[in-house]
Amino acid sequence: MKPVSVYITVPGSSAQRDMSGWRNKKPVIDYGRCTNCLICWIFCPEPAIIREEGKIVIDYMHCKGCGICAVECPRKCIEMVGEL
């Protein structure tokens, strides 16, 4: 019998998994309005928001599309758009 669910037994191991298949919308950042305040990074439940070369970047391999980053962004510069 196949397992009914998947669970993570080792802390931090979700960073090694591709979570992109979970979402139907993805966050897109308007860099013209983003101030790199890192609020999205603080609230992101996955290792999907990183800082690269002085700006926030979405790691779509780890993003589940939950939209927490878009809700918590104080400047509302993150928009959830449909996946193709």
N, C-alpha and C. Protein backbone atom coordinates (compact mmCIF):
# COMPACT_ATOMS: atom_id res chain seq x y z
N MET A 1 0.84 -1.19 0.00
CA MET A 1 0.00 0.00 0.00
C MET A 1 0.88 1.25 0.00
N LYS A 2 0.51 2.23 -0.83
CA LYS A 2 1.26 3.48 -0.91
C LYS A 2 0.90 4.37 0.27
N PRO A 3 1.87 5.20 0.71
CA PRO A 3 1.55 6.14 1.80
C PRO A 3 0.52 7.17 1.34
N VAL A 4 -0.35 7.57 2.25
CA VAL A 4 -1.42 8.51 1.95
C VAL A 4 -0.90 9.94 1.90
N SER A 5 0.07 10.25 2.72
CA SER A 5 0.59 11.61 2.75
C SER A 5 2.11 11.59 2.82
N VAL A 6 2.67 12.77 2.60
CA VAL A 6 4.12 12.92 2.70
C VAL A 6 4.40 13.76 3.93
N TYR A 7 5.37 13.36 4.69
CA TYR A 7 5.75 14.14 5.85
C TYR A 7 7.27 14.28 5.88
N ILE A 8 7.73 15.33 6.50
CA ILE A 8 9.15 15.62 6.55
C ILE A 8 9.65 15.23 7.92
N THR A 9 10.63 14.34 7.96
CA THR A 9 11.13 13.84 9.24
C THR A 9 12.40 14.53 9.70
N VAL A 10 13.06 15.23 8.79
CA VAL A 10 14.30 15.90 9.13
C VAL A 10 14.08 17.41 9.04
N PRO A 11 14.31 18.16 10.12
CA PRO A 11 14.12 19.61 10.08
C PRO A 11 14.96 20.25 8.97
N GLY A 12 14.33 21.17 8.24
CA GLY A 12 15.02 21.90 7.19
C GLY A 12 15.10 21.17 5.86
N SER A 13 14.58 19.95 5.79
CA SER A 13 14.70 19.19 4.55
C SER A 13 13.76 19.68 3.45
N SER A 14 12.77 20.50 3.78
CA SER A 14 11.88 21.02 2.73
C SER A 14 12.63 21.93 1.77
N ALA A 15 13.75 22.48 2.20
CA ALA A 15 14.56 23.33 1.32
C ALA A 15 15.14 22.54 0.17
N GLN A 16 15.16 21.21 0.29
CA GLN A 16 15.72 20.38 -0.76
C GLN A 16 14.65 19.85 -1.71
N ARG A 17 13.39 20.18 -1.51
CA ARG A 17 12.30 19.66 -2.32
C ARG A 17 11.75 20.72 -3.27
N ASP A 18 11.31 20.28 -4.44
CA ASP A 18 10.67 21.16 -5.41
C ASP A 18 9.20 21.27 -5.04
N MET A 19 8.77 22.45 -4.59
CA MET A 19 7.40 22.67 -4.14
C MET A 19 6.55 23.38 -5.18
N SER A 20 7.10 23.67 -6.34
CA SER A 20 6.41 24.49 -7.34
C SER A 20 5.12 23.86 -7.85
N GLY A 21 4.97 22.57 -7.76
CA GLY A 21 3.76 21.91 -8.23
C GLY A 21 2.55 22.15 -7.35
N TRP A 22 2.74 22.77 -6.20
CA TRP A 22 1.64 23.02 -5.26
C TRP A 22 0.81 24.23 -5.65
N ARG A 23 1.33 25.12 -6.47
CA ARG A 23 0.66 26.41 -6.65
C ARG A 23 -0.08 26.50 -7.98
N ASN A 24 -1.08 27.41 -7.99
CA ASN A 24 -1.75 27.77 -9.23
C ASN A 24 -1.57 29.26 -9.52
N LYS A 25 -1.05 29.99 -8.53
CA LYS A 25 -0.67 31.40 -8.71
C LYS A 25 0.73 31.58 -8.15
N LYS A 26 1.45 32.54 -8.73
CA LYS A 26 2.79 32.81 -8.23
C LYS A 26 2.96 34.30 -7.95
N PRO A 27 3.80 34.64 -6.98
CA PRO A 27 4.03 36.05 -6.67
C PRO A 27 5.01 36.68 -7.67
N VAL A 28 4.67 37.88 -8.10
CA VAL A 28 5.54 38.64 -8.99
C VAL A 28 5.79 40.00 -8.34
N ILE A 29 7.04 40.38 -8.25
CA ILE A 29 7.43 41.61 -7.55
C ILE A 29 7.54 42.77 -8.54
N ASP A 30 6.95 43.91 -8.17
CA ASP A 30 7.12 45.16 -8.92
C ASP A 30 8.35 45.85 -8.31
N TYR A 31 9.50 45.67 -8.93
CA TYR A 31 10.74 46.20 -8.37
C TYR A 31 10.80 47.72 -8.36
N GLY A 32 9.96 48.38 -9.12
CA GLY A 32 9.90 49.84 -9.10
C GLY A 32 9.34 50.38 -7.80
N ARG A 33 8.54 49.56 -7.10
CA ARG A 33 7.93 49.98 -5.84
C ARG A 33 8.54 49.31 -4.63
N CYS A 34 9.28 48.21 -4.82
CA CYS A 34 9.85 47.43 -3.71
C CYS A 34 10.98 48.21 -3.04
N THR A 35 10.96 48.26 -1.71
CA THR A 35 12.01 48.95 -0.95
C THR A 35 12.94 47.97 -0.24
N ASN A 36 12.79 46.68 -0.52
CA ASN A 36 13.60 45.64 0.12
C ASN A 36 13.51 45.69 1.64
N CYS A 37 12.30 45.86 2.14
CA CYS A 37 12.09 45.93 3.59
C CYS A 37 12.19 44.56 4.26
N LEU A 38 12.12 43.49 3.49
CA LEU A 38 12.24 42.10 3.94
C LEU A 38 11.03 41.58 4.72
N ILE A 39 9.92 42.31 4.72
CA ILE A 39 8.71 41.83 5.39
C ILE A 39 8.24 40.53 4.74
N CYS A 40 8.29 40.46 3.42
CA CYS A 40 7.88 39.24 2.71
C CYS A 40 8.76 38.07 3.12
N TRP A 41 10.04 38.30 3.27
CA TRP A 41 10.99 37.26 3.67
C TRP A 41 10.68 36.77 5.08
N ILE A 42 10.34 37.68 5.97
CA ILE A 42 10.03 37.31 7.35
C ILE A 42 8.80 36.41 7.41
N PHE A 43 7.77 36.71 6.65
CA PHE A 43 6.51 35.98 6.73
C PHE A 43 6.46 34.73 5.84
N CYS A 44 7.36 34.59 4.89
CA CYS A 44 7.33 33.44 3.98
C CYS A 44 7.56 32.14 4.77
N PRO A 45 6.61 31.18 4.69
CA PRO A 45 6.77 29.94 5.45
C PRO A 45 7.74 28.95 4.81
N GLU A 46 8.22 29.21 3.63
CA GLU A 46 9.15 28.34 2.93
C GLU A 46 10.44 29.11 2.63
N PRO A 47 11.50 28.43 2.23
CA PRO A 47 12.73 29.16 1.86
C PRO A 47 12.61 29.68 0.42
N ALA A 48 11.53 30.41 0.14
CA ALA A 48 11.24 30.82 -1.24
C ALA A 48 11.60 32.27 -1.54
N ILE A 49 11.89 33.06 -0.54
CA ILE A 49 12.26 34.45 -0.78
C ILE A 49 13.69 34.63 -0.31
N ILE A 50 14.52 35.08 -1.23
CA ILE A 50 15.93 35.26 -0.91
C ILE A 50 16.36 36.67 -1.32
N ARG A 51 17.49 37.09 -0.80
CA ARG A 51 18.04 38.38 -1.17
C ARG A 51 19.27 38.14 -2.03
N GLU A 52 19.25 38.67 -3.24
CA GLU A 52 20.33 38.48 -4.19
C GLU A 52 20.74 39.83 -4.76
N GLU A 53 22.00 40.14 -4.65
CA GLU A 53 22.55 41.38 -5.20
C GLU A 53 21.74 42.60 -4.77
N GLY A 54 21.36 42.63 -3.49
CA GLY A 54 20.67 43.79 -2.93
C GLY A 54 19.19 43.89 -3.21
N LYS A 55 18.57 42.84 -3.78
CA LYS A 55 17.13 42.88 -4.01
C LYS A 55 16.49 41.55 -3.65
N ILE A 56 15.20 41.58 -3.41
CA ILE A 56 14.42 40.40 -3.07
C ILE A 56 14.14 39.62 -4.35
N VAL A 57 14.30 38.30 -4.28
CA VAL A 57 14.04 37.43 -5.43
C VAL A 57 13.19 36.26 -4.96
N ILE A 58 12.23 35.85 -5.78
CA ILE A 58 11.39 34.69 -5.47
C ILE A 58 12.05 33.45 -6.06
N ASP A 59 12.27 32.45 -5.24
CA ASP A 59 12.78 31.15 -5.69
C ASP A 59 11.54 30.31 -5.99
N TYR A 60 11.15 30.27 -7.25
CA TYR A 60 9.89 29.61 -7.63
C TYR A 60 9.93 28.09 -7.43
N MET A 61 11.09 27.51 -7.30
CA MET A 61 11.16 26.08 -7.02
C MET A 61 10.61 25.76 -5.63
N HIS A 62 10.74 26.70 -4.71
CA HIS A 62 10.30 26.47 -3.34
C HIS A 62 9.00 27.20 -2.98
N CYS A 63 8.52 28.06 -3.86
CA CYS A 63 7.29 28.81 -3.60
C CYS A 63 6.06 27.92 -3.81
N LYS A 64 5.19 27.89 -2.80
CA LYS A 64 3.95 27.12 -2.90
C LYS A 64 2.79 27.97 -3.41
N GLY A 65 2.99 29.27 -3.52
CA GLY A 65 1.93 30.15 -4.01
C GLY A 65 0.89 30.49 -2.97
N CYS A 66 1.27 30.49 -1.70
CA CYS A 66 0.31 30.74 -0.62
C CYS A 66 -0.19 32.19 -0.61
N GLY A 67 0.62 33.13 -1.10
CA GLY A 67 0.22 34.53 -1.16
C GLY A 67 0.45 35.33 0.09
N ILE A 68 1.06 34.73 1.10
CA ILE A 68 1.32 35.46 2.35
C ILE A 68 2.22 36.66 2.08
N CYS A 69 3.20 36.51 1.21
CA CYS A 69 4.10 37.62 0.89
C CYS A 69 3.33 38.81 0.32
N ALA A 70 2.38 38.54 -0.56
CA ALA A 70 1.59 39.62 -1.18
C ALA A 70 0.70 40.31 -0.16
N VAL A 71 0.13 39.54 0.75
CA VAL A 71 -0.75 40.12 1.78
C VAL A 71 0.05 40.98 2.76
N GLU A 72 1.21 40.51 3.14
CA GLU A 72 2.01 41.21 4.16
C GLU A 72 2.85 42.36 3.63
N CYS A 73 3.05 42.45 2.34
CA CYS A 73 3.87 43.52 1.77
C CYS A 73 3.24 44.88 2.07
N PRO A 74 3.93 45.75 2.82
CA PRO A 74 3.35 47.05 3.18
C PRO A 74 3.17 47.99 1.99
N ARG A 75 3.93 47.80 0.93
CA ARG A 75 3.83 48.66 -0.26
C ARG A 75 2.96 48.05 -1.34
N LYS A 76 2.46 46.82 -1.11
CA LYS A 76 1.61 46.11 -2.06
C LYS A 76 2.25 46.01 -3.44
N CYS A 77 3.54 45.68 -3.44
CA CYS A 77 4.26 45.56 -4.72
C CYS A 77 4.43 44.10 -5.14
N ILE A 78 3.77 43.17 -4.44
CA ILE A 78 3.79 41.77 -4.84
C ILE A 78 2.39 41.40 -5.28
N GLU A 79 2.27 40.93 -6.52
CA GLU A 79 0.97 40.55 -7.07
C GLU A 79 0.98 39.06 -7.35
N MET A 80 -0.11 38.39 -7.03
CA MET A 80 -0.26 36.97 -7.33
C MET A 80 -0.87 36.85 -8.72
N VAL A 81 -0.15 36.20 -9.63
CA VAL A 81 -0.61 36.03 -10.99
C VAL A 81 -0.74 34.53 -11.31
N GLY A 82 -1.69 34.20 -12.17
CA GLY A 82 -1.94 32.81 -12.53
C GLY A 82 -0.78 32.17 -13.25
N GLU A 83 -0.58 30.90 -12.95
CA GLU A 83 0.44 30.10 -13.63
C GLU A 83 -0.09 29.73 -15.01
N LEU A 84 0.79 29.58 -15.95
CA LEU A 84 0.40 29.15 -17.29
C LEU A 84 0.34 27.66 -17.37
